[in-house]
Amino acid sequence: MSSFFIFVSFFLNFRRIIISLLFSFYTKFRLNNEFIINLFDKE
């Protein structure tokens, strides 16, 4: 039973790490898109 709790906690931590990584990638990608759009708008 304890191994099950360890697995659940590991899974929750893993999911949280993946969500944070995805969020950071998404914000960087969005910032890059805005930067590119601004570059094209200047011309």
PDB file of N, CA and C in Angstrom:
ATOM      1  N   MET A   1       0.833  -1.204   0.000  1.00  0.00           N
ATOM      2  CA  MET A   1       0.000   0.000   0.000  1.00  0.00           C
ATOM      3  C   MET A   1       0.866   1.253   0.000  1.00  0.00           C
ATOM      4  N   SER A   2       1.963   1.218   0.705  1.00  0.00           N
ATOM      5  CA  SER A   2       2.828   2.398   0.743  1.00  0.00           C
ATOM      6  C   SER A   2       3.442   2.664  -0.632  1.00  0.00           C
ATOM      7  N   SER A   3       3.753   1.599  -1.363  1.00  0.00           N
ATOM      8  CA  SER A   3       4.310   1.794  -2.709  1.00  0.00           C
ATOM      9  C   SER A   3       3.293   2.489  -3.608  1.00  0.00           C
ATOM     10  N   PHE A   4       2.020   2.203  -3.377  1.00  0.00           N
ATOM     11  CA  PHE A   4       0.980   2.856  -4.176  1.00  0.00           C
ATOM     12  C   PHE A   4       0.971   4.357  -3.902  1.00  0.00           C
ATOM     13  N   PHE A   5       1.088   4.740  -2.629  1.00  0.00           N
ATOM     14  CA  PHE A   5       1.114   6.165  -2.302  1.00  0.00           C
ATOM     15  C   PHE A   5       2.357   6.829  -2.886  1.00  0.00           C
ATOM     16  N   ILE A   6       3.461   6.119  -2.863  1.00  0.00           N
ATOM     17  CA  ILE A   6       4.693   6.667  -3.441  1.00  0.00           C
ATOM     18  C   ILE A   6       4.515   6.878  -4.938  1.00  0.00           C
ATOM     19  N   PHE A   7       3.881   5.920  -5.582  1.00  0.00           N
ATOM     20  CA  PHE A   7       3.651   6.045  -7.022  1.00  0.00           C
ATOM     21  C   PHE A   7       2.724   7.217  -7.322  1.00  0.00           C
ATOM     22  N   VAL A   8       1.674   7.365  -6.526  1.00  0.00           N
ATOM     23  CA  VAL A   8       0.721   8.465  -6.749  1.00  0.00           C
ATOM     24  C   VAL A   8       1.411   9.812  -6.545  1.00  0.00           C
ATOM     25  N   SER A   9       2.187   9.935  -5.490  1.00  0.00           N
ATOM     26  CA  SER A   9       2.878  11.203  -5.242  1.00  0.00           C
ATOM     27  C   SER A   9       3.887  11.493  -6.357  1.00  0.00           C
ATOM     28  N   PHE A  10       4.579  10.456  -6.812  1.00  0.00           N
ATOM     29  CA  PHE A  10       5.528  10.639  -7.911  1.00  0.00           C
ATOM     30  C   PHE A  10       4.803  11.092  -9.175  1.00  0.00           C
ATOM     31  N   PHE A  11       3.657  10.472  -9.447  1.00  0.00           N
ATOM     32  CA  PHE A  11       2.888  10.833 -10.639  1.00  0.00           C
ATOM     33  C   PHE A  11       2.397  12.274 -10.554  1.00  0.00           C
ATOM     34  N   LEU A  12       1.927  12.690  -9.388  1.00  0.00           N
ATOM     35  CA  LEU A  12       1.431  14.064  -9.229  1.00  0.00           C
ATOM     36  C   LEU A  12       2.576  15.059  -9.406  1.00  0.00           C
ATOM     37  N   ASN A  13       3.728  14.760  -8.820  1.00  0.00           N
ATOM     38  CA  ASN A  13       4.875  15.656  -8.975  1.00  0.00           C
ATOM     39  C   ASN A  13       5.320  15.716 -10.430  1.00  0.00           C
ATOM     40  N   PHE A  14       5.325  14.567 -11.087  1.00  0.00           N
ATOM     41  CA  PHE A  14       5.729  14.517 -12.487  1.00  0.00           C
ATOM     42  C   PHE A  14       4.775  15.346 -13.344  1.00  0.00           C
ATOM     43  N   ARG A  15       3.475  15.210 -13.080  1.00  0.00           N
ATOM     44  CA  ARG A  15       2.487  15.974 -13.845  1.00  0.00           C
ATOM     45  C   ARG A  15       2.664  17.471 -13.603  1.00  0.00           C
ATOM     46  N   ARG A  16       2.925  17.848 -12.370  1.00  0.00           N
ATOM     47  CA  ARG A  16       3.122  19.268 -12.060  1.00  0.00           C
ATOM     48  C   ARG A  16       4.350  19.811 -12.787  1.00  0.00           C
ATOM     49  N   ILE A  17       5.422  19.025 -12.827  1.00  0.00           N
ATOM     50  CA  ILE A  17       6.637  19.467 -13.525  1.00  0.00           C
ATOM     51  C   ILE A  17       6.358  19.623 -15.015  1.00  0.00           C
ATOM     52  N   ILE A  18       5.639  18.675 -15.597  1.00  0.00           N
ATOM     53  CA  ILE A  18       5.331  18.762 -17.028  1.00  0.00           C
ATOM     54  C   ILE A  18       4.458  19.977 -17.316  1.00  0.00           C
ATOM     55  N   ILE A  19       3.493  20.238 -16.449  1.00  0.00           N
ATOM     56  CA  ILE A  19       2.611  21.399 -16.657  1.00  0.00           C
ATOM     57  C   ILE A  19       3.419  22.690 -16.577  1.00  0.00           C
ATOM     58  N   SER A  20       4.320  22.779 -15.611  1.00  0.00           N
ATOM     59  CA  SER A  20       5.128  23.993 -15.493  1.00  0.00           C
ATOM     60  C   SER A  20       6.043  24.153 -16.702  1.00  0.00           C
ATOM     61  N   LEU A  21       6.622  23.049 -17.189  1.00  0.00           N
ATOM     62  CA  LEU A  21       7.471  23.127 -18.377  1.00  0.00           C
ATOM     63  C   LEU A  21       6.665  23.567 -19.593  1.00  0.00           C
ATOM     64  N   LEU A  22       5.483  22.992 -19.758  1.00  0.00           N
ATOM     65  CA  LEU A  22       4.642  23.375 -20.894  1.00  0.00           C
ATOM     66  C   LEU A  22       4.258  24.845 -20.801  1.00  0.00           C
ATOM     67  N   PHE A  23       3.957  25.301 -19.603  1.00  0.00           N
ATOM     68  CA  PHE A  23       3.569  26.699 -19.438  1.00  0.00           C
ATOM     69  C   PHE A  23       4.729  27.629 -19.783  1.00  0.00           C
ATOM     70  N   SER A  24       5.939  27.275 -19.341  1.00  0.00           N
ATOM     71  CA  SER A  24       7.099  28.117 -19.651  1.00  0.00           C
ATOM     72  C   SER A  24       7.375  28.122 -21.153  1.00  0.00           C
ATOM     73  N   PHE A  25       7.280  26.954 -21.799  1.00  0.00           N
ATOM     74  CA  PHE A  25       7.476  26.905 -23.247  1.00  0.00           C
ATOM     75  C   PHE A  25       6.410  27.722 -23.964  1.00  0.00           C
ATOM     76  N   TYR A  26       5.168  27.641 -23.472  1.00  0.00           N
ATOM     77  CA  TYR A  26       4.077  28.372 -24.111  1.00  0.00           C
ATOM     78  C   TYR A  26       4.301  29.877 -24.006  1.00  0.00           C
ATOM     79  N   THR A  27       4.719  30.359 -22.842  1.00  0.00           N
ATOM     80  CA  THR A  27       4.948  31.794 -22.684  1.00  0.00           C
ATOM     81  C   THR A  27       6.114  32.247 -23.566  1.00  0.00           C
ATOM     82  N   LYS A  28       7.185  31.461 -23.627  1.00  0.00           N
ATOM     83  CA  LYS A  28       8.315  31.834 -24.488  1.00  0.00           C
ATOM     84  C   LYS A  28       7.888  31.858 -25.952  1.00  0.00           C
ATOM     85  N   PHE A  29       7.126  30.854 -26.357  1.00  0.00           N
ATOM     86  CA  PHE A  29       6.675  30.790 -27.745  1.00  0.00           C
ATOM     87  C   PHE A  29       5.770  31.973 -28.073  1.00  0.00           C
ATOM     88  N   ARG A  30       4.890  32.328 -27.154  1.00  0.00           N
ATOM     89  CA  ARG A  30       3.981  33.449 -27.387  1.00  0.00           C
ATOM     90  C   ARG A  30       4.767  34.760 -27.468  1.00  0.00           C
ATOM     91  N   LEU A  31       5.745  34.926 -26.597  1.00  0.00           N
ATOM     92  CA  LEU A  31       6.561  36.140 -26.638  1.00  0.00           C
ATOM     93  C   LEU A  31       7.323  36.214 -27.959  1.00  0.00           C
ATOM     94  N   ASN A  32       7.853  35.098 -28.418  1.00  0.00           N
ATOM     95  CA  ASN A  32       8.564  35.091 -29.698  1.00  0.00           C
ATOM     96  C   ASN A  32       7.615  35.426 -30.839  1.00  0.00           C
ATOM     97  N   ASN A  33       6.403  34.922 -30.789  1.00  0.00           N
ATOM     98  CA  ASN A  33       5.434  35.230 -31.839  1.00  0.00           C
ATOM     99  C   ASN A  33       5.104  36.715 -31.857  1.00  0.00           C
ATOM    100  N   GLU A  34       4.924  37.306 -30.684  1.00  0.00           N
ATOM    101  CA  GLU A  34       4.631  38.738 -30.629  1.00  0.00           C
ATOM    102  C   GLU A  34       5.814  39.536 -31.169  1.00  0.00           C
ATOM    103  N   PHE A  35       7.019  39.096 -30.853  1.00  0.00           N
ATOM    104  CA  PHE A  35       8.207  39.789 -31.347  1.00  0.00           C
ATOM    105  C   PHE A  35       8.273  39.722 -32.872  1.00  0.00           C
ATOM    106  N   ILE A  36       8.016  38.556 -33.433  1.00  0.00           N
ATOM    107  CA  ILE A  36       8.043  38.393 -34.895  1.00  0.00           C
ATOM    108  C   ILE A  36       6.942  39.233 -35.540  1.00  0.00           C
ATOM    109  N   ILE A  37       5.771  39.230 -34.934  1.00  0.00           N
ATOM    110  CA  ILE A  37       4.666  40.021 -35.493  1.00  0.00           C
ATOM    111  C   ILE A  37       5.024  41.508 -35.462  1.00  0.00           C
ATOM    112  N   ASN A  38       5.646  41.959 -34.396  1.00  0.00           N
ATOM    113  CA  ASN A  38       6.052  43.364 -34.319  1.00  0.00           C
ATOM    114  C   ASN A  38       7.090  43.684 -35.390  1.00  0.00           C
ATOM    115  N   LEU A  39       7.997  42.760 -35.648  1.00  0.00           N
ATOM    116  CA  LEU A  39       9.001  42.993 -36.686  1.00  0.00           C
ATOM    117  C   LEU A  39       8.328  43.141 -38.048  1.00  0.00           C
ATOM    118  N   PHE A  40       7.348  42.292 -38.325  1.00  0.00           N
ATOM    119  CA  PHE A  40       6.676  42.372 -39.622  1.00  0.00           C
ATOM    120  C   PHE A  40       5.791  43.610 -39.713  1.00  0.00           C
ATOM    121  N   ASP A  41       5.266  44.049 -38.597  1.00  0.00           N
ATOM    122  CA  ASP A  41       4.400  45.228 -38.617  1.00  0.00           C
ATOM    123  C   ASP A  41       5.203  46.498 -38.904  1.00  0.00           C
ATOM    124  N   LYS A  42       6.472  46.491 -38.553  1.00  0.00           N
ATOM    125  CA  LYS A  42       7.272  47.705 -38.750  1.00  0.00           C
ATOM    126  C   LYS A  42       7.483  47.987 -40.235  1.00  0.00           C
ATOM    127  N   GLU A  43       7.516  46.945 -41.038  1.00  0.00           N
ATOM    128  CA  GLU A  43       7.794  47.167 -42.460  1.00  0.00           C
ATOM    129  C   GLU A  43       6.577  47.710 -43.198  1.00  0.00           C
TER     130      GLU A  43
END
